[in-house]
């Protein structure tokens, strides 16, 4: 009765290590380009708000962050993680990384 699962409820294939949908080991060129594009779009929004004359604490904090062209590749494509090896993990391994802001700075020493 329970051995004939079909569709989404089918057990995972053992040969794939139990994962049918795997996260790629590294970011592709296209994904990297999309990360840079999103960072530039955020920079553009912050500049537009500054030029319009809006003042608030969060805008001041956003202005203090480095721009996309000032960031090192390590900060663009990886993020700080306490649990990961060497305390860095690829930004594509963060859940919903396209919808959440990528932290542009890391704790000192990491």
C-alpha atoms as a PDB file:
ATOM      1  CA  UNK A   1       0.000   0.000   0.000  1.00  0.00           C
ATOM      2  CA  UNK A   2       2.668   2.526   0.994  1.00  0.00           C
ATOM      3  CA  UNK A   3       5.306   1.184  -1.412  1.00  0.00           C
ATOM      4  CA  UNK A   4       3.652   2.584  -4.510  1.00  0.00           C
ATOM      5  CA  UNK A   5       4.265   6.286  -4.006  1.00  0.00           C
ATOM      6  CA  UNK A   6       4.116   8.413  -7.138  1.00  0.00           C
ATOM      7  CA  UNK A   7       4.860  11.983  -8.054  1.00  0.00           C
ATOM      8  CA  UNK A   8       6.072  14.353  -5.359  1.00  0.00           C
ATOM      9  CA  UNK A   9       5.740  11.708  -2.659  1.00  0.00           C
ATOM     10  CA  UNK A  10       8.137   9.242  -4.279  1.00  0.00           C
ATOM     11  CA  UNK A  11      11.152   8.474  -2.049  1.00  0.00           C
ATOM     12  CA  UNK A  12      14.453  10.068  -3.087  1.00  0.00           C
ATOM     13  CA  UNK A  13      16.973   8.165  -5.163  1.00  0.00           C
ATOM     14  CA  UNK A  14      19.760   6.692  -3.048  1.00  0.00           C
ATOM     15  CA  UNK A  15      22.323   7.126  -5.828  1.00  0.00           C
ATOM     16  CA  UNK A  16      21.902  10.904  -5.582  1.00  0.00           C
ATOM     17  CA  UNK A  17      22.670  10.882  -1.878  1.00  0.00           C
ATOM     18  CA  UNK A  18      19.051  11.361  -0.889  1.00  0.00           C
ATOM     19  CA  UNK A  19      18.687  14.684  -2.707  1.00  0.00           C
ATOM     20  CA  UNK A  20      16.664  14.913  -5.880  1.00  0.00           C
ATOM     21  CA  UNK A  21      16.946  18.701  -6.074  1.00  0.00           C
ATOM     22  CA  UNK A  22      20.517  19.695  -5.373  1.00  0.00           C
ATOM     23  CA  UNK A  23      22.038  23.106  -4.799  1.00  0.00           C
ATOM     24  CA  UNK A  24      24.891  23.662  -7.278  1.00  0.00           C
ATOM     25  CA  UNK A  25      28.397  23.675  -5.845  1.00  0.00           C
ATOM     26  CA  UNK A  26      29.228  27.132  -7.170  1.00  0.00           C
ATOM     27  CA  UNK A  27      27.406  30.108  -8.614  1.00  0.00           C
ATOM     28  CA  UNK A  28      27.137  30.178 -12.379  1.00  0.00           C
ATOM     29  CA  UNK A  29      28.137  33.228 -14.428  1.00  0.00           C
ATOM     30  CA  UNK A  30      24.475  34.094 -14.902  1.00  0.00           C
ATOM     31  CA  UNK A  31      23.686  33.924 -11.197  1.00  0.00           C
ATOM     32  CA  UNK A  32      26.723  36.058 -10.392  1.00  0.00           C
ATOM     33  CA  UNK A  33      25.605  38.630 -12.951  1.00  0.00           C
ATOM     34  CA  UNK A  34      22.131  38.674 -11.394  1.00  0.00           C
ATOM     35  CA  UNK A  35      23.618  39.218  -7.906  1.00  0.00           C
ATOM     36  CA  UNK A  36      25.644  42.177  -9.224  1.00  0.00           C
ATOM     37  CA  UNK A  37      22.557  43.543 -10.981  1.00  0.00           C
ATOM     38  CA  UNK A  38      20.481  43.388  -7.778  1.00  0.00           C
ATOM     39  CA  UNK A  39      23.238  45.125  -5.802  1.00  0.00           C
ATOM     40  CA  UNK A  40      23.448  47.896  -8.420  1.00  0.00           C
ATOM     41  CA  UNK A  41      19.667  48.329  -8.375  1.00  0.00           C
ATOM     42  CA  UNK A  42      19.719  48.756  -4.590  1.00  0.00           C
ATOM     43  CA  UNK A  43      22.510  51.337  -4.953  1.00  0.00           C
ATOM     44  CA  UNK A  44      20.415  53.181  -7.519  1.00  0.00           C
ATOM     45  CA  UNK A  45      17.368  53.275  -5.213  1.00  0.00           C
ATOM     46  CA  UNK A  46      19.478  54.601  -2.320  1.00  0.00           C
ATOM     47  CA  UNK A  47      20.955  57.314  -4.572  1.00  0.00           C
ATOM     48  CA  UNK A  48      17.476  58.289  -5.777  1.00  0.00           C
ATOM     49  CA  UNK A  49      16.243  58.632  -2.194  1.00  0.00           C
ATOM     50  CA  UNK A  50      19.248  60.751  -1.223  1.00  0.00           C
ATOM     51  CA  UNK A  51      18.759  63.030  -4.236  1.00  0.00           C
ATOM     52  CA  UNK A  52      15.066  63.463  -3.421  1.00  0.00           C
ATOM     53  CA  UNK A  53      15.960  64.858   0.005  1.00  0.00           C
ATOM     54  CA  UNK A  54      14.528  62.083   2.182  1.00  0.00           C
ATOM     55  CA  UNK A  55      16.289  61.733   5.534  1.00  0.00           C
ATOM     56  CA  UNK A  56      16.023  58.798   7.925  1.00  0.00           C
ATOM     57  CA  UNK A  57      18.251  56.604  10.042  1.00  0.00           C
ATOM     58  CA  UNK A  58      18.011  53.558   7.762  1.00  0.00           C
ATOM     59  CA  UNK A  59      18.993  55.657   4.754  1.00  0.00           C
ATOM     60  CA  UNK A  60      22.077  56.900   6.618  1.00  0.00           C
ATOM     61  CA  UNK A  61      23.004  53.286   7.387  1.00  0.00           C
ATOM     62  CA  UNK A  62      22.501  52.328   3.736  1.00  0.00           C
ATOM     63  CA  UNK A  63      24.750  55.184   2.626  1.00  0.00           C
ATOM     64  CA  UNK A  64      27.504  53.930   4.941  1.00  0.00           C
ATOM     65  CA  UNK A  65      27.528  50.513   3.230  1.00  0.00           C
ATOM     66  CA  UNK A  66      29.939  49.978   0.315  1.00  0.00           C
ATOM     67  CA  UNK A  67      28.599  50.251  -3.220  1.00  0.00           C
ATOM     68  CA  UNK A  68      28.585  47.280  -5.589  1.00  0.00           C
ATOM     69  CA  UNK A  69      31.726  48.390  -7.418  1.00  0.00           C
ATOM     70  CA  UNK A  70      33.549  48.923  -4.089  1.00  0.00           C
ATOM     71  CA  UNK A  71      32.810  45.429  -2.768  1.00  0.00           C
ATOM     72  CA  UNK A  72      35.262  42.553  -3.071  1.00  0.00           C
ATOM     73  CA  UNK A  73      34.078  39.463  -4.921  1.00  0.00           C
ATOM     74  CA  UNK A  74      34.245  37.549  -1.652  1.00  0.00           C
ATOM     75  CA  UNK A  75      31.625  39.860  -0.122  1.00  0.00           C
ATOM     76  CA  UNK A  76      29.376  39.839  -3.196  1.00  0.00           C
ATOM     77  CA  UNK A  77      29.064  36.095  -3.603  1.00  0.00           C
ATOM     78  CA  UNK A  78      29.540  34.755  -0.066  1.00  0.00           C
ATOM     79  CA  UNK A  79      28.057  35.614   3.290  1.00  0.00           C
ATOM     80  CA  UNK A  80      29.093  35.129   6.909  1.00  0.00           C
ATOM     81  CA  UNK A  81      27.952  31.928   8.573  1.00  0.00           C
ATOM     82  CA  UNK A  82      28.886  30.768  12.053  1.00  0.00           C
ATOM     83  CA  UNK A  83      28.384  27.116  11.156  1.00  0.00           C
ATOM     84  CA  UNK A  84      30.112  26.964   7.776  1.00  0.00           C
ATOM     85  CA  UNK A  85      33.707  25.969   7.218  1.00  0.00           C
ATOM     86  CA  UNK A  86      35.920  29.091   7.451  1.00  0.00           C
ATOM     87  CA  UNK A  87      32.747  31.010   8.453  1.00  0.00           C
ATOM     88  CA  UNK A  88      31.749  31.790   4.835  1.00  0.00           C
ATOM     89  CA  UNK A  89      29.111  30.189   2.629  1.00  0.00           C
ATOM     90  CA  UNK A  90      27.920  30.865  -0.878  1.00  0.00           C
ATOM     91  CA  UNK A  91      25.098  33.346  -1.110  1.00  0.00           C
ATOM     92  CA  UNK A  92      23.127  30.870  -3.253  1.00  0.00           C
ATOM     93  CA  UNK A  93      22.920  28.514  -0.268  1.00  0.00           C
ATOM     94  CA  UNK A  94      21.033  31.124   1.777  1.00  0.00           C
ATOM     95  CA  UNK A  95      17.262  30.533   1.611  1.00  0.00           C
ATOM     96  CA  UNK A  96      15.479  33.150  -0.527  1.00  0.00           C
ATOM     97  CA  UNK A  97      18.753  34.964  -1.277  1.00  0.00           C
ATOM     98  CA  UNK A  98      17.157  36.796  -4.197  1.00  0.00           C
ATOM     99  CA  UNK A  99      14.519  38.377  -1.978  1.00  0.00           C
ATOM    100  CA  UNK A 100      16.505  39.146   1.171  1.00  0.00           C
ATOM    101  CA  UNK A 101      19.197  41.799   1.285  1.00  0.00           C
ATOM    102  CA  UNK A 102      22.735  40.452   1.025  1.00  0.00           C
ATOM    103  CA  UNK A 103      24.802  41.789   3.931  1.00  0.00           C
ATOM    104  CA  UNK A 104      27.493  43.962   2.397  1.00  0.00           C
ATOM    105  CA  UNK A 105      29.790  43.906   5.405  1.00  0.00           C
ATOM    106  CA  UNK A 106      30.941  41.060   7.614  1.00  0.00           C
ATOM    107  CA  UNK A 107      32.062  40.955  11.233  1.00  0.00           C
ATOM    108  CA  UNK A 108      35.663  42.063  11.680  1.00  0.00           C
ATOM    109  CA  UNK A 109      38.134  39.222  11.359  1.00  0.00           C
ATOM    110  CA  UNK A 110      36.008  37.152   8.969  1.00  0.00           C
END
